[in-house]
Amino acid sequence: MPIPLILLILLFIPFRPVCWLWEVCLICFGVEWLISAYQLYLRRIAAGMPFALGTSILVVCGILTMLSALVFFSRKIKNRYPLHV
C-alpha cells in the first residue's frame, strides 16, 4: 500500500523521470497480477476446483495494468512532465 501512495504524491512533481518510474511500477504491478494468476491456477488444479474464471480475471487485470503504462506516452502527459524542471 505505501508504494502506490508514494507514487501518487510523486505525480505532483512535474519531472519526466516520475513518468518513467510510474511506467516501470505499472509493468511490475501487472507482472505481480500474472504471478498471482499462475499461483491461483496451480492451487485450484491441485485442489481439483474450477480455475478458469478466477485465473482469467487475474490475467486480464495484469494485462490491463501493464497496458495502462501506455498512458504516459500521450502528448498531454509529455507536456505536463518535461524532461527538465
N, C-alpha and C. Protein backbone atom coordinates (compact mmCIF):
# COMPACT_ATOMS: atom_id res chain seq x y z
N MET A 1 0.80 -1.21 0.00
CA MET A 1 0.00 0.00 0.00
C MET A 1 0.84 1.27 0.00
N PRO A 2 2.00 1.32 0.66
CA PRO A 2 2.73 2.59 0.67
C PRO A 2 3.33 2.96 -0.69
N ILE A 3 3.67 1.97 -1.53
CA ILE A 3 4.28 2.29 -2.82
C ILE A 3 3.31 3.06 -3.72
N PRO A 4 2.06 2.61 -3.93
CA PRO A 4 1.14 3.42 -4.75
C PRO A 4 0.87 4.80 -4.16
N LEU A 5 0.83 4.91 -2.85
CA LEU A 5 0.61 6.21 -2.22
C LEU A 5 1.78 7.15 -2.49
N ILE A 6 2.99 6.63 -2.38
CA ILE A 6 4.18 7.44 -2.67
C ILE A 6 4.17 7.84 -4.15
N LEU A 7 3.79 6.92 -5.02
CA LEU A 7 3.74 7.24 -6.45
C LEU A 7 2.70 8.31 -6.75
N LEU A 8 1.57 8.27 -6.06
CA LEU A 8 0.55 9.31 -6.26
C LEU A 8 1.07 10.68 -5.84
N ILE A 9 1.79 10.73 -4.75
CA ILE A 9 2.37 12.00 -4.30
C ILE A 9 3.40 12.49 -5.31
N LEU A 10 4.18 11.58 -5.87
CA LEU A 10 5.21 11.97 -6.85
C LEU A 10 4.61 12.54 -8.13
N LEU A 11 3.35 12.22 -8.43
CA LEU A 11 2.73 12.75 -9.65
C LEU A 11 2.60 14.27 -9.62
N PHE A 12 2.69 14.87 -8.45
CA PHE A 12 2.61 16.32 -8.36
C PHE A 12 3.93 17.00 -8.72
N ILE A 13 4.97 16.22 -8.91
CA ILE A 13 6.28 16.76 -9.30
C ILE A 13 6.38 16.69 -10.82
N PRO A 14 6.44 17.84 -11.49
CA PRO A 14 6.49 17.84 -12.96
C PRO A 14 7.89 17.52 -13.48
N PHE A 15 8.25 16.26 -13.46
CA PHE A 15 9.58 15.83 -13.88
C PHE A 15 9.44 14.50 -14.60
N ARG A 16 9.98 14.39 -15.80
CA ARG A 16 9.78 13.21 -16.65
C ARG A 16 10.18 11.89 -16.00
N PRO A 17 11.27 11.82 -15.23
CA PRO A 17 11.60 10.55 -14.58
C PRO A 17 10.50 10.01 -13.66
N VAL A 18 9.61 10.88 -13.20
CA VAL A 18 8.46 10.41 -12.42
C VAL A 18 7.57 9.54 -13.31
N CYS A 19 7.38 9.93 -14.56
CA CYS A 19 6.61 9.12 -15.50
C CYS A 19 7.29 7.79 -15.77
N TRP A 20 8.60 7.83 -15.91
CA TRP A 20 9.33 6.59 -16.15
C TRP A 20 9.19 5.65 -14.96
N LEU A 21 9.25 6.21 -13.76
CA LEU A 21 9.07 5.40 -12.56
C LEU A 21 7.67 4.79 -12.52
N TRP A 22 6.67 5.57 -12.90
CA TRP A 22 5.29 5.06 -12.94
C TRP A 22 5.16 3.94 -13.96
N GLU A 23 5.77 4.12 -15.12
CA GLU A 23 5.69 3.08 -16.16
C GLU A 23 6.29 1.77 -15.67
N VAL A 24 7.46 1.85 -15.06
CA VAL A 24 8.12 0.64 -14.56
C VAL A 24 7.27 0.00 -13.47
N CYS A 25 6.73 0.81 -12.56
CA CYS A 25 5.91 0.27 -11.48
C CYS A 25 4.63 -0.38 -12.01
N LEU A 26 3.99 0.23 -12.99
CA LEU A 26 2.78 -0.37 -13.55
C LEU A 26 3.07 -1.70 -14.22
N ILE A 27 4.19 -1.79 -14.90
CA ILE A 27 4.56 -3.05 -15.52
C ILE A 27 4.85 -4.10 -14.44
N CYS A 28 5.54 -3.69 -13.39
CA CYS A 28 5.81 -4.62 -12.28
C CYS A 28 4.53 -5.05 -11.58
N PHE A 29 3.60 -4.12 -11.39
CA PHE A 29 2.31 -4.48 -10.77
C PHE A 29 1.55 -5.46 -11.66
N GLY A 30 1.61 -5.26 -12.97
CA GLY A 30 0.96 -6.19 -13.90
C GLY A 30 1.56 -7.58 -13.84
N VAL A 31 2.87 -7.63 -13.74
CA VAL A 31 3.55 -8.93 -13.61
C VAL A 31 3.14 -9.60 -12.30
N GLU A 32 2.98 -8.81 -11.26
CA GLU A 32 2.52 -9.36 -9.98
C GLU A 32 1.13 -9.98 -10.11
N TRP A 33 0.23 -9.32 -10.87
CA TRP A 33 -1.09 -9.90 -11.13
C TRP A 33 -0.95 -11.25 -11.85
N LEU A 34 -0.06 -11.31 -12.84
CA LEU A 34 0.11 -12.55 -13.60
C LEU A 34 0.69 -13.66 -12.73
N ILE A 35 1.60 -13.33 -11.85
CA ILE A 35 2.15 -14.32 -10.93
C ILE A 35 1.05 -14.84 -10.01
N SER A 36 0.21 -13.92 -9.54
CA SER A 36 -0.91 -14.34 -8.68
C SER A 36 -1.87 -15.24 -9.43
N ALA A 37 -2.10 -14.94 -10.70
CA ALA A 37 -2.98 -15.79 -11.51
C ALA A 37 -2.40 -17.18 -11.65
N TYR A 38 -1.11 -17.27 -11.86
CA TYR A 38 -0.47 -18.57 -12.01
C TYR A 38 -0.53 -19.36 -10.70
N GLN A 39 -0.29 -18.69 -9.59
CA GLN A 39 -0.38 -19.36 -8.29
C GLN A 39 -1.80 -19.84 -8.01
N LEU A 40 -2.79 -19.01 -8.34
CA LEU A 40 -4.18 -19.42 -8.17
C LEU A 40 -4.49 -20.64 -9.03
N TYR A 41 -4.02 -20.60 -10.26
CA TYR A 41 -4.22 -21.72 -11.18
C TYR A 41 -3.66 -23.01 -10.59
N LEU A 42 -2.42 -22.95 -10.08
CA LEU A 42 -1.80 -24.15 -9.52
C LEU A 42 -2.55 -24.66 -8.28
N ARG A 43 -2.96 -23.73 -7.41
CA ARG A 43 -3.68 -24.14 -6.20
C ARG A 43 -5.03 -24.77 -6.53
N ARG A 44 -5.72 -24.18 -7.50
CA ARG A 44 -7.05 -24.70 -7.87
C ARG A 44 -6.94 -26.06 -8.55
N ILE A 45 -5.94 -26.22 -9.41
CA ILE A 45 -5.73 -27.51 -10.07
C ILE A 45 -5.40 -28.58 -9.02
N ALA A 46 -4.53 -28.24 -8.07
CA ALA A 46 -4.14 -29.20 -7.04
C ALA A 46 -5.34 -29.60 -6.17
N ALA A 47 -6.26 -28.66 -5.96
CA ALA A 47 -7.43 -28.95 -5.13
C ALA A 47 -8.58 -29.56 -5.94
N GLY A 48 -8.42 -29.64 -7.25
CA GLY A 48 -9.47 -30.19 -8.09
C GLY A 48 -10.66 -29.27 -8.25
N MET A 49 -10.44 -27.99 -8.13
CA MET A 49 -11.51 -27.00 -8.22
C MET A 49 -11.46 -26.31 -9.58
N PRO A 50 -12.57 -25.68 -10.01
CA PRO A 50 -12.54 -24.93 -11.28
C PRO A 50 -11.61 -23.72 -11.15
N PHE A 51 -10.91 -23.43 -12.23
CA PHE A 51 -9.90 -22.38 -12.17
C PHE A 51 -10.07 -21.31 -13.24
N ALA A 52 -10.90 -21.53 -14.22
CA ALA A 52 -10.94 -20.67 -15.41
C ALA A 52 -11.35 -19.24 -15.10
N LEU A 53 -12.40 -19.04 -14.36
CA LEU A 53 -12.91 -17.69 -14.14
C LEU A 53 -11.94 -16.84 -13.33
N GLY A 54 -11.52 -17.33 -12.19
CA GLY A 54 -10.62 -16.56 -11.33
C GLY A 54 -9.30 -16.27 -12.00
N THR A 55 -8.75 -17.28 -12.67
CA THR A 55 -7.47 -17.10 -13.34
C THR A 55 -7.60 -16.11 -14.49
N SER A 56 -8.66 -16.20 -15.26
CA SER A 56 -8.82 -15.29 -16.39
C SER A 56 -9.02 -13.85 -15.92
N ILE A 57 -9.72 -13.66 -14.81
CA ILE A 57 -9.89 -12.30 -14.27
C ILE A 57 -8.55 -11.72 -13.86
N LEU A 58 -7.72 -12.51 -13.18
CA LEU A 58 -6.41 -12.02 -12.77
C LEU A 58 -5.49 -11.74 -13.96
N VAL A 59 -5.57 -12.58 -14.98
CA VAL A 59 -4.75 -12.36 -16.18
C VAL A 59 -5.16 -11.07 -16.87
N VAL A 60 -6.46 -10.84 -17.01
CA VAL A 60 -6.93 -9.61 -17.66
C VAL A 60 -6.52 -8.39 -16.84
N CYS A 61 -6.62 -8.47 -15.52
CA CYS A 61 -6.17 -7.36 -14.67
C CYS A 61 -4.68 -7.08 -14.88
N GLY A 62 -3.89 -8.12 -14.97
CA GLY A 62 -2.46 -7.95 -15.20
C GLY A 62 -2.16 -7.30 -16.54
N ILE A 63 -2.83 -7.76 -17.57
CA ILE A 63 -2.61 -7.20 -18.91
C ILE A 63 -3.05 -5.74 -18.97
N LEU A 64 -4.22 -5.44 -18.40
CA LEU A 64 -4.69 -4.06 -18.42
C LEU A 64 -3.82 -3.14 -17.57
N THR A 65 -3.29 -3.65 -16.48
CA THR A 65 -2.38 -2.85 -15.66
C THR A 65 -1.11 -2.52 -16.45
N MET A 66 -0.59 -3.50 -17.16
CA MET A 66 0.61 -3.24 -17.96
C MET A 66 0.30 -2.29 -19.12
N LEU A 67 -0.86 -2.44 -19.73
CA LEU A 67 -1.24 -1.55 -20.83
C LEU A 67 -1.49 -0.12 -20.36
N SER A 68 -1.86 0.04 -19.10
CA SER A 68 -2.10 1.39 -18.59
C SER A 68 -0.82 2.22 -18.54
N ALA A 69 0.33 1.58 -18.63
CA ALA A 69 1.59 2.33 -18.68
C ALA A 69 1.71 3.11 -19.99
N LEU A 70 0.94 2.72 -21.01
CA LEU A 70 0.99 3.43 -22.29
C LEU A 70 0.44 4.84 -22.19
N VAL A 71 -0.35 5.12 -21.17
CA VAL A 71 -0.93 6.46 -21.00
C VAL A 71 0.16 7.52 -20.87
N PHE A 72 1.32 7.13 -20.35
CA PHE A 72 2.39 8.09 -20.14
C PHE A 72 3.12 8.47 -21.42
N PHE A 73 2.72 7.88 -22.54
CA PHE A 73 3.28 8.27 -23.83
C PHE A 73 2.42 9.30 -24.55
N SER A 74 1.31 9.70 -23.96
CA SER A 74 0.44 10.68 -24.61
C SER A 74 1.06 12.07 -24.60
N ARG A 75 0.64 12.89 -25.54
CA ARG A 75 1.20 14.23 -25.67
C ARG A 75 0.90 15.10 -24.44
N LYS A 76 -0.30 15.00 -23.90
CA LYS A 76 -0.66 15.81 -22.73
C LYS A 76 0.25 15.50 -21.55
N ILE A 77 0.52 14.23 -21.34
CA ILE A 77 1.39 13.84 -20.23
C ILE A 77 2.81 14.32 -20.49
N LYS A 78 3.28 14.19 -21.72
CA LYS A 78 4.64 14.65 -22.03
C LYS A 78 4.78 16.15 -21.86
N ASN A 79 3.71 16.90 -22.17
CA ASN A 79 3.76 18.34 -21.96
C ASN A 79 3.72 18.70 -20.49
N ARG A 80 3.01 17.93 -19.69
CA ARG A 80 2.88 18.21 -18.25
C ARG A 80 4.17 17.88 -17.51
N TYR A 81 4.87 16.83 -17.95
CA TYR A 81 6.08 16.39 -17.30
C TYR A 81 7.27 16.56 -18.24
N PRO A 82 7.87 17.75 -18.26
CA PRO A 82 9.02 17.97 -19.13
C PRO A 82 10.25 17.21 -18.63
N LEU A 83 11.23 17.09 -19.50
CA LEU A 83 12.43 16.35 -19.13
C LEU A 83 13.26 17.12 -18.11
N HIS A 84 13.15 18.40 -18.11
CA HIS A 84 13.88 19.21 -17.12
C HIS A 84 12.91 20.11 -16.39
N VAL A 85 13.25 20.50 -15.21
CA VAL A 85 12.39 21.37 -14.41
C VAL A 85 13.05 22.71 -14.25
